[in-house]
Amino acid sequence: MPTKVKIKILDDVELRTVLDGEYEIASQIKMCKYALALAKHILEIVHYKDIDNVIIQDGFKINEEWQRGNARMHDVRQAGFRIHQMAKECDNLLMQTSLRVVGQAVATGHMKEHALVASDYAIKVINIKYPNDLKAVQQERKWQIETINSIKDIWKEITLRFR
């Protein structure tokens, strides 16, 4: 069943449906890898100046540690909350929305669906940066689809072997 878009965005519904299909069959670990790649990609697109911010870097590290089984879900949630607090305090809408992408990406270790919410926030970033530009949206969705497809899902393969 397709996921629902939780924010208002100009989008390419067909491309989002393709991404949603990939999400449906991916493991949570694969979605974490995808979401972190997406967050870094968006921070580059907006030329985020504080890329080495300790809160952001800790969020990435905690998510990566969770993927290896070395962090608790509570730690992942708290890291995501800290990034969302940064977003709340930001008065620049483009940067605020970019930080929402990062917060959702980090939180993917808590719930797989956060990765898709992060991808929708990434589209909102594109909507803000390139108003009413469906081609820019399509380019971003295609990047998202290519990126998710480029990540090998070893956890899914391991699970299928032991059925």
N, C-alpha and C. Protein backbone atom coordinates (compact mmCIF):
# COMPACT_ATOMS: atom_id res chain seq x y z
N MET A 1 0.84 -1.17 0.00
CA MET A 1 0.00 0.00 0.00
C MET A 1 0.89 1.24 0.00
N PRO A 2 0.64 2.17 -0.91
CA PRO A 2 1.47 3.38 -1.00
C PRO A 2 1.39 4.23 0.27
N THR A 3 2.50 4.87 0.58
CA THR A 3 2.53 5.77 1.73
C THR A 3 1.90 7.10 1.32
N LYS A 4 1.44 7.85 2.31
CA LYS A 4 0.82 9.14 2.06
C LYS A 4 1.85 10.25 2.25
N VAL A 5 1.76 11.24 1.40
CA VAL A 5 2.59 12.43 1.55
C VAL A 5 2.03 13.23 2.72
N LYS A 6 2.90 13.58 3.66
CA LYS A 6 2.44 14.25 4.89
C LYS A 6 2.64 15.75 4.87
N ILE A 7 3.25 16.26 3.80
CA ILE A 7 3.47 17.70 3.67
C ILE A 7 3.00 18.16 2.30
N LYS A 8 2.75 19.45 2.15
CA LYS A 8 2.29 19.99 0.88
C LYS A 8 3.49 20.25 -0.03
N ILE A 9 3.52 19.56 -1.18
CA ILE A 9 4.61 19.73 -2.13
C ILE A 9 4.09 19.62 -3.57
N LEU A 10 4.81 20.28 -4.48
CA LEU A 10 4.62 20.06 -5.91
C LEU A 10 5.49 18.86 -6.24
N ASP A 11 4.90 17.79 -6.77
CA ASP A 11 5.63 16.55 -6.96
C ASP A 11 5.24 15.89 -8.28
N ASP A 12 6.05 14.91 -8.68
CA ASP A 12 5.73 14.03 -9.79
C ASP A 12 5.21 12.74 -9.14
N VAL A 13 3.91 12.55 -9.18
CA VAL A 13 3.28 11.43 -8.48
C VAL A 13 3.80 10.08 -9.00
N GLU A 14 4.00 9.97 -10.29
CA GLU A 14 4.48 8.70 -10.85
C GLU A 14 5.87 8.35 -10.33
N LEU A 15 6.77 9.33 -10.29
CA LEU A 15 8.12 9.06 -9.79
C LEU A 15 8.10 8.76 -8.29
N ARG A 16 7.25 9.45 -7.55
CA ARG A 16 7.15 9.14 -6.12
C ARG A 16 6.63 7.73 -5.92
N THR A 17 5.71 7.30 -6.77
CA THR A 17 5.17 5.94 -6.68
C THR A 17 6.27 4.91 -6.92
N VAL A 18 7.16 5.20 -7.85
CA VAL A 18 8.30 4.30 -8.09
C VAL A 18 9.17 4.22 -6.84
N LEU A 19 9.49 5.38 -6.26
CA LEU A 19 10.29 5.41 -5.04
C LEU A 19 9.57 4.67 -3.91
N ASP A 20 8.28 4.87 -3.79
CA ASP A 20 7.49 4.20 -2.77
C ASP A 20 7.56 2.67 -2.94
N GLY A 21 7.53 2.22 -4.17
CA GLY A 21 7.64 0.78 -4.44
C GLY A 21 8.98 0.22 -3.98
N GLU A 22 10.03 0.97 -4.19
CA GLU A 22 11.36 0.55 -3.73
C GLU A 22 11.41 0.53 -2.20
N TYR A 23 10.80 1.52 -1.59
CA TYR A 23 10.71 1.59 -0.13
C TYR A 23 10.00 0.36 0.43
N GLU A 24 8.92 -0.03 -0.20
CA GLU A 24 8.11 -1.15 0.29
C GLU A 24 8.91 -2.45 0.39
N ILE A 25 9.84 -2.68 -0.51
CA ILE A 25 10.57 -3.96 -0.52
C ILE A 25 11.95 -3.87 0.14
N ALA A 26 12.36 -2.68 0.54
CA ALA A 26 13.70 -2.48 1.12
C ALA A 26 13.69 -2.77 2.61
N SER A 27 14.84 -3.20 3.10
CA SER A 27 15.01 -3.37 4.55
C SER A 27 15.18 -1.99 5.20
N GLN A 28 15.03 -1.94 6.49
CA GLN A 28 15.21 -0.70 7.22
C GLN A 28 16.66 -0.22 7.13
N ILE A 29 17.61 -1.15 7.12
CA ILE A 29 19.02 -0.79 7.00
C ILE A 29 19.27 -0.10 5.65
N LYS A 30 18.73 -0.67 4.58
CA LYS A 30 18.89 -0.04 3.26
C LYS A 30 18.28 1.36 3.27
N MET A 31 17.13 1.50 3.88
CA MET A 31 16.48 2.81 3.93
C MET A 31 17.31 3.80 4.74
N CYS A 32 17.99 3.33 5.79
CA CYS A 32 18.88 4.22 6.56
C CYS A 32 20.02 4.71 5.67
N LYS A 33 20.62 3.80 4.93
CA LYS A 33 21.73 4.17 4.05
C LYS A 33 21.26 5.19 3.00
N TYR A 34 20.10 4.92 2.43
CA TYR A 34 19.52 5.83 1.45
C TYR A 34 19.24 7.20 2.07
N ALA A 35 18.62 7.21 3.24
CA ALA A 35 18.22 8.46 3.88
C ALA A 35 19.43 9.32 4.23
N LEU A 36 20.50 8.70 4.72
CA LEU A 36 21.71 9.47 5.04
C LEU A 36 22.34 10.04 3.78
N ALA A 37 22.35 9.26 2.70
CA ALA A 37 22.87 9.77 1.42
C ALA A 37 22.02 10.95 0.95
N LEU A 38 20.70 10.83 1.10
CA LEU A 38 19.79 11.90 0.72
C LEU A 38 20.05 13.17 1.54
N ALA A 39 20.22 13.01 2.84
CA ALA A 39 20.47 14.17 3.71
C ALA A 39 21.75 14.90 3.28
N LYS A 40 22.81 14.15 3.04
CA LYS A 40 24.08 14.77 2.63
C LYS A 40 23.93 15.46 1.27
N HIS A 41 23.19 14.83 0.38
CA HIS A 41 22.92 15.38 -0.96
C HIS A 41 22.17 16.72 -0.85
N ILE A 42 21.17 16.79 -0.01
CA ILE A 42 20.39 18.02 0.15
C ILE A 42 21.23 19.11 0.78
N LEU A 43 22.04 18.76 1.78
CA LEU A 43 22.90 19.77 2.40
C LEU A 43 23.88 20.35 1.38
N GLU A 44 24.32 19.53 0.43
CA GLU A 44 25.19 20.03 -0.65
C GLU A 44 24.41 20.95 -1.59
N ILE A 45 23.21 20.55 -1.95
CA ILE A 45 22.39 21.35 -2.88
C ILE A 45 22.16 22.76 -2.34
N VAL A 46 21.91 22.87 -1.04
CA VAL A 46 21.60 24.19 -0.46
C VAL A 46 22.85 24.90 0.05
N HIS A 47 24.01 24.27 -0.14
CA HIS A 47 25.28 24.84 0.32
C HIS A 47 25.23 25.16 1.82
N TYR A 48 24.77 24.17 2.59
CA TYR A 48 24.66 24.35 4.04
C TYR A 48 26.04 24.62 4.61
N LYS A 49 26.19 25.72 5.30
CA LYS A 49 27.51 26.19 5.73
C LYS A 49 28.05 25.48 6.97
N ASP A 50 27.18 24.90 7.78
CA ASP A 50 27.62 24.28 9.04
C ASP A 50 27.57 22.75 8.95
N ILE A 51 28.09 22.22 7.85
CA ILE A 51 28.04 20.78 7.58
C ILE A 51 28.72 19.96 8.67
N ASP A 52 29.71 20.54 9.34
CA ASP A 52 30.43 19.84 10.40
C ASP A 52 29.79 20.05 11.77
N ASN A 53 28.61 20.60 11.81
CA ASN A 53 27.91 20.82 13.06
C ASN A 53 27.87 19.51 13.86
N VAL A 54 28.23 19.58 15.11
CA VAL A 54 28.34 18.39 15.95
C VAL A 54 27.00 17.66 16.09
N ILE A 55 25.90 18.39 16.12
CA ILE A 55 24.58 17.74 16.24
C ILE A 55 24.27 16.92 14.99
N ILE A 56 24.54 17.49 13.83
CA ILE A 56 24.31 16.77 12.57
C ILE A 56 25.24 15.57 12.46
N GLN A 57 26.52 15.79 12.69
CA GLN A 57 27.49 14.70 12.58
C GLN A 57 27.20 13.58 13.58
N ASP A 58 26.80 13.94 14.81
CA ASP A 58 26.43 12.92 15.80
C ASP A 58 25.20 12.15 15.34
N GLY A 59 24.25 12.85 14.72
CA GLY A 59 23.06 12.17 14.20
C GLY A 59 23.43 11.14 13.15
N PHE A 60 24.30 11.52 12.22
CA PHE A 60 24.74 10.57 11.20
C PHE A 60 25.44 9.37 11.84
N LYS A 61 26.33 9.65 12.78
CA LYS A 61 27.08 8.57 13.44
C LYS A 61 26.17 7.64 14.24
N ILE A 62 25.22 8.20 14.94
CA ILE A 62 24.31 7.37 15.73
C ILE A 62 23.48 6.48 14.82
N ASN A 63 23.00 7.02 13.70
CA ASN A 63 22.24 6.20 12.76
C ASN A 63 23.13 5.07 12.22
N GLU A 64 24.36 5.39 11.85
CA GLU A 64 25.28 4.37 11.34
C GLU A 64 25.59 3.32 12.41
N GLU A 65 25.72 3.75 13.65
CA GLU A 65 25.94 2.80 14.75
C GLU A 65 24.71 1.92 14.95
N TRP A 66 23.53 2.49 14.83
CA TRP A 66 22.30 1.70 14.94
C TRP A 66 22.27 0.63 13.86
N GLN A 67 22.68 1.00 12.64
CA GLN A 67 22.70 0.03 11.54
C GLN A 67 23.58 -1.18 11.86
N ARG A 68 24.64 -0.94 12.64
CA ARG A 68 25.55 -2.02 13.02
C ARG A 68 25.13 -2.72 14.32
N GLY A 69 24.03 -2.27 14.90
CA GLY A 69 23.56 -2.87 16.13
C GLY A 69 24.23 -2.32 17.38
N ASN A 70 24.88 -1.16 17.25
CA ASN A 70 25.64 -0.60 18.37
C ASN A 70 25.01 0.65 18.98
N ALA A 71 23.77 0.95 18.64
CA ALA A 71 23.07 2.09 19.24
C ALA A 71 21.61 1.69 19.45
N ARG A 72 21.02 2.29 20.45
CA ARG A 72 19.62 1.99 20.76
C ARG A 72 18.69 2.87 19.92
N MET A 73 17.49 2.39 19.75
CA MET A 73 16.48 3.16 19.03
C MET A 73 16.26 4.51 19.74
N HIS A 74 16.30 4.49 21.05
CA HIS A 74 16.15 5.72 21.83
C HIS A 74 17.22 6.75 21.42
N ASP A 75 18.45 6.29 21.23
CA ASP A 75 19.54 7.19 20.82
C ASP A 75 19.25 7.81 19.46
N VAL A 76 18.74 6.99 18.54
CA VAL A 76 18.41 7.47 17.19
C VAL A 76 17.30 8.52 17.27
N ARG A 77 16.28 8.24 18.05
CA ARG A 77 15.17 9.19 18.19
C ARG A 77 15.65 10.52 18.76
N GLN A 78 16.47 10.44 19.80
CA GLN A 78 16.98 11.67 20.44
C GLN A 78 17.84 12.48 19.47
N ALA A 79 18.65 11.79 18.68
CA ALA A 79 19.48 12.48 17.68
C ALA A 79 18.60 13.20 16.65
N GLY A 80 17.56 12.52 16.20
CA GLY A 80 16.62 13.15 15.27
C GLY A 80 15.92 14.35 15.88
N PHE A 81 15.51 14.22 17.14
CA PHE A 81 14.86 15.34 17.84
C PHE A 81 15.78 16.55 17.93
N ARG A 82 17.07 16.30 18.21
CA ARG A 82 18.02 17.42 18.32
C ARG A 82 18.15 18.17 16.99
N ILE A 83 18.15 17.44 15.89
CA ILE A 83 18.25 18.08 14.58
C ILE A 83 16.96 18.83 14.26
N HIS A 84 15.82 18.26 14.61
CA HIS A 84 14.55 18.96 14.40
C HIS A 84 14.47 20.24 15.25
N GLN A 85 15.10 20.21 16.42
CA GLN A 85 15.15 21.42 17.24
C GLN A 85 15.97 22.51 16.53
N MET A 86 17.07 22.10 15.91
CA MET A 86 17.86 23.05 15.11
C MET A 86 17.00 23.66 14.01
N ALA A 87 16.21 22.81 13.35
CA ALA A 87 15.34 23.29 12.27
C ALA A 87 14.33 24.29 12.81
N LYS A 88 13.76 23.98 13.95
CA LYS A 88 12.76 24.86 14.56
C LYS A 88 13.33 26.24 14.85
N GLU A 89 14.60 26.28 15.23
CA GLU A 89 15.26 27.54 15.59
C GLU A 89 15.79 28.32 14.38
N CYS A 90 15.73 27.71 13.21
CA CYS A 90 16.27 28.33 11.99
C CYS A 90 15.21 29.24 11.37
N ASP A 91 15.60 30.46 11.01
CA ASP A 91 14.62 31.39 10.43
C ASP A 91 14.68 31.44 8.91
N ASN A 92 15.56 30.69 8.30
CA ASN A 92 15.66 30.61 6.84
C ASN A 92 14.89 29.36 6.40
N LEU A 93 13.80 29.54 5.66
CA LEU A 93 12.92 28.43 5.29
C LEU A 93 13.65 27.33 4.51
N LEU A 94 14.53 27.72 3.61
CA LEU A 94 15.27 26.72 2.83
C LEU A 94 16.17 25.88 3.75
N MET A 95 16.90 26.52 4.64
CA MET A 95 17.78 25.80 5.55
C MET A 95 16.97 25.00 6.57
N GLN A 96 15.87 25.58 7.03
CA GLN A 96 15.00 24.90 7.98
C GLN A 96 14.48 23.59 7.38
N THR A 97 14.01 23.66 6.14
CA THR A 97 13.48 22.48 5.47
C THR A 97 14.59 21.46 5.20
N SER A 98 15.77 21.94 4.87
CA SER A 98 16.91 21.04 4.67
C SER A 98 17.24 20.30 5.96
N LEU A 99 17.17 20.99 7.08
CA LEU A 99 17.41 20.33 8.37
C LEU A 99 16.30 19.33 8.69
N ARG A 100 15.11 19.57 8.22
CA ARG A 100 14.03 18.58 8.39
C ARG A 100 14.37 17.30 7.63
N VAL A 101 14.95 17.45 6.43
CA VAL A 101 15.41 16.26 5.69
C VAL A 101 16.39 15.48 6.55
N VAL A 102 17.35 16.18 7.13
CA VAL A 102 18.39 15.54 7.94
C VAL A 102 17.78 14.86 9.16
N GLY A 103 16.88 15.56 9.85
CA GLY A 103 16.25 14.98 11.04
C GLY A 103 15.46 13.73 10.72
N GLN A 104 14.70 13.77 9.64
CA GLN A 104 13.94 12.59 9.22
C GLN A 104 14.88 11.45 8.80
N ALA A 105 15.95 11.80 8.11
CA ALA A 105 16.91 10.78 7.67
C ALA A 105 17.52 10.06 8.87
N VAL A 106 17.96 10.82 9.84
CA VAL A 106 18.56 10.22 11.04
C VAL A 106 17.52 9.33 11.74
N ALA A 107 16.28 9.78 11.81
CA ALA A 107 15.23 9.05 12.50
C ALA A 107 14.81 7.76 11.80
N THR A 108 15.32 7.52 10.61
CA THR A 108 14.98 6.29 9.88
C THR A 108 15.39 5.05 10.66
N GLY A 109 16.37 5.17 11.53
CA GLY A 109 16.72 4.05 12.40
C GLY A 109 15.62 3.73 13.40
N HIS A 110 14.75 4.67 13.64
CA HIS A 110 13.59 4.47 14.53
C HIS A 110 12.45 3.83 13.77
N MET A 111 12.12 4.40 12.59
CA MET A 111 11.05 3.88 11.75
C MET A 111 11.45 4.05 10.29
N LYS A 112 11.30 2.99 9.55
CA LYS A 112 11.67 2.98 8.13
C LYS A 112 10.98 4.10 7.34
N GLU A 113 9.73 4.41 7.68
CA GLU A 113 8.96 5.41 6.94
C GLU A 113 9.60 6.81 6.98
N HIS A 114 10.42 7.07 7.99
CA HIS A 114 11.06 8.39 8.06
C HIS A 114 11.89 8.67 6.79
N ALA A 115 12.40 7.63 6.15
CA ALA A 115 13.19 7.83 4.92
C ALA A 115 12.33 8.43 3.81
N LEU A 116 11.10 7.95 3.71
CA LEU A 116 10.21 8.49 2.68
C LEU A 116 9.76 9.90 3.03
N VAL A 117 9.56 10.17 4.30
CA VAL A 117 9.23 11.53 4.72
C VAL A 117 10.42 12.46 4.40
N ALA A 118 11.64 11.96 4.64
CA ALA A 118 12.84 12.75 4.29
C ALA A 118 12.87 13.04 2.80
N SER A 119 12.50 12.06 1.98
CA SER A 119 12.50 12.28 0.52
C SER A 119 11.45 13.31 0.12
N ASP A 120 10.32 13.33 0.80
CA ASP A 120 9.30 14.35 0.51
C ASP A 120 9.78 15.73 0.95
N TYR A 121 10.45 15.81 2.11
CA TYR A 121 11.02 17.09 2.53
C TYR A 121 12.09 17.55 1.53
N ALA A 122 12.82 16.61 0.96
CA ALA A 122 13.82 16.97 -0.06
C ALA A 122 13.12 17.62 -1.26
N ILE A 123 11.96 17.10 -1.61
CA ILE A 123 11.18 17.72 -2.70
C ILE A 123 10.72 19.11 -2.29
N LYS A 124 10.35 19.26 -1.03
CA LYS A 124 9.97 20.60 -0.56
C LYS A 124 11.15 21.57 -0.67
N VAL A 125 12.36 21.09 -0.38
CA VAL A 125 13.57 21.91 -0.56
C VAL A 125 13.66 22.36 -2.01
N ILE A 126 13.47 21.42 -2.92
CA ILE A 126 13.53 21.74 -4.35
C ILE A 126 12.43 22.73 -4.71
N ASN A 127 11.22 22.54 -4.16
CA ASN A 127 10.12 23.48 -4.40
C ASN A 127 10.48 24.89 -3.95
N ILE A 128 11.16 25.00 -2.83
CA ILE A 128 11.54 26.33 -2.31
C ILE A 128 12.65 26.94 -3.16
N LYS A 129 13.64 26.12 -3.49
CA LYS A 129 14.80 26.61 -4.24
C LYS A 129 14.43 26.92 -5.70
N TYR A 130 13.55 26.11 -6.27
CA TYR A 130 13.12 26.27 -7.67
C TYR A 130 11.59 26.27 -7.74
N PRO A 131 10.96 27.39 -7.40
CA PRO A 131 9.48 27.44 -7.34
C PRO A 131 8.82 27.05 -8.66
N ASN A 132 7.79 26.20 -8.54
CA ASN A 132 6.97 25.77 -9.68
C ASN A 132 7.77 25.12 -10.81
N ASP A 133 8.90 24.50 -10.49
CA ASP A 133 9.76 23.89 -11.50
C ASP A 133 9.64 22.36 -11.41
N LEU A 134 8.69 21.82 -12.17
CA LEU A 134 8.47 20.38 -12.14
C LEU A 134 9.68 19.60 -12.66
N LYS A 135 10.43 20.19 -13.58
CA LYS A 135 11.63 19.50 -14.09
C LYS A 135 12.67 19.33 -12.98
N ALA A 136 12.83 20.32 -12.13
CA ALA A 136 13.76 20.21 -11.00
C ALA A 136 13.28 19.13 -10.03
N VAL A 137 11.98 19.07 -9.82
CA VAL A 137 11.39 18.04 -8.95
C VAL A 137 11.66 16.65 -9.55
N GLN A 138 11.43 16.51 -10.84
CA GLN A 138 11.65 15.23 -11.51
C GLN A 138 13.12 14.82 -11.45
N GLN A 139 14.00 15.78 -11.63
CA GLN A 139 15.43 15.49 -11.54
C GLN A 139 15.78 14.98 -10.14
N GLU A 140 15.23 15.61 -9.11
CA GLU A 140 15.48 15.17 -7.73
C GLU A 140 14.89 13.79 -7.48
N ARG A 141 13.67 13.54 -7.91
CA ARG A 141 13.07 12.21 -7.73
C ARG A 141 13.88 11.14 -8.45
N LYS A 142 14.35 11.45 -9.64
CA LYS A 142 15.18 10.48 -10.38
C LYS A 142 16.47 10.21 -9.63
N TRP A 143 17.07 11.24 -9.04
CA TRP A 143 18.28 11.05 -8.23
C TRP A 143 17.95 10.11 -7.05
N GLN A 144 16.81 10.35 -6.41
CA GLN A 144 16.41 9.52 -5.28
C GLN A 144 16.24 8.06 -5.70
N ILE A 145 15.58 7.83 -6.82
CA ILE A 145 15.35 6.46 -7.30
C ILE A 145 16.67 5.79 -7.67
N GLU A 146 17.53 6.51 -8.39
CA GLU A 146 18.84 5.95 -8.75
C GLU A 146 19.65 5.62 -7.50
N THR A 147 19.59 6.49 -6.51
CA THR A 147 20.36 6.29 -5.29
C THR A 147 19.86 5.08 -4.52
N ILE A 148 18.55 4.98 -4.34
CA ILE A 148 18.03 3.84 -3.59
C ILE A 148 18.32 2.53 -4.32
N ASN A 149 18.26 2.57 -5.65
CA ASN A 149 18.55 1.37 -6.43
C ASN A 149 20.03 1.00 -6.42
N SER A 150 20.89 1.95 -6.11
CA SER A 150 22.33 1.67 -6.11
C SER A 150 22.81 1.04 -4.80
N ILE A 151 21.96 1.02 -3.80
CA ILE A 151 22.34 0.49 -2.49
C ILE A 151 21.97 -0.98 -2.41
N LYS A 152 22.97 -1.81 -2.18
CA LYS A 152 22.75 -3.25 -2.07
C LYS A 152 22.06 -3.52 -0.73
N ASP A 153 21.04 -4.36 -0.79
CA ASP A 153 20.25 -4.65 0.41
C ASP A 153 20.67 -6.01 0.97
N ILE A 154 21.82 -6.01 1.66
CA ILE A 154 22.34 -7.29 2.16
C ILE A 154 21.42 -7.91 3.22
N TRP A 155 20.72 -7.09 3.99
CA TRP A 155 19.84 -7.64 5.03
C TRP A 155 18.66 -8.36 4.41
N LYS A 156 18.16 -7.87 3.30
CA LYS A 156 17.07 -8.55 2.62
C LYS A 156 17.56 -9.89 2.06
N GLU A 157 18.77 -9.91 1.49
CA GLU A 157 19.33 -11.15 0.95
C GLU A 157 19.54 -12.18 2.05
N ILE A 158 20.04 -11.76 3.19
CA ILE A 158 20.27 -12.69 4.31
C ILE A 158 18.94 -13.26 4.78
N THR A 159 17.93 -12.42 4.91
CA THR A 159 16.60 -12.87 5.36
C THR A 159 16.02 -13.89 4.40
N LEU A 160 16.16 -13.63 3.10
CA LEU A 160 15.60 -14.57 2.10
C LEU A 160 16.31 -15.92 2.15
N ARG A 161 17.59 -15.95 2.45
CA ARG A 161 18.34 -17.21 2.52
C ARG A 161 17.86 -18.12 3.64
N PHE A 162 17.38 -17.50 4.73
CA PHE A 162 17.01 -18.29 5.90
C PHE A 162 15.52 -18.58 5.99
N ARG A 163 14.80 -18.40 4.92
CA ARG A 163 13.37 -18.72 4.91
C ARG A 163 13.16 -20.18 4.63
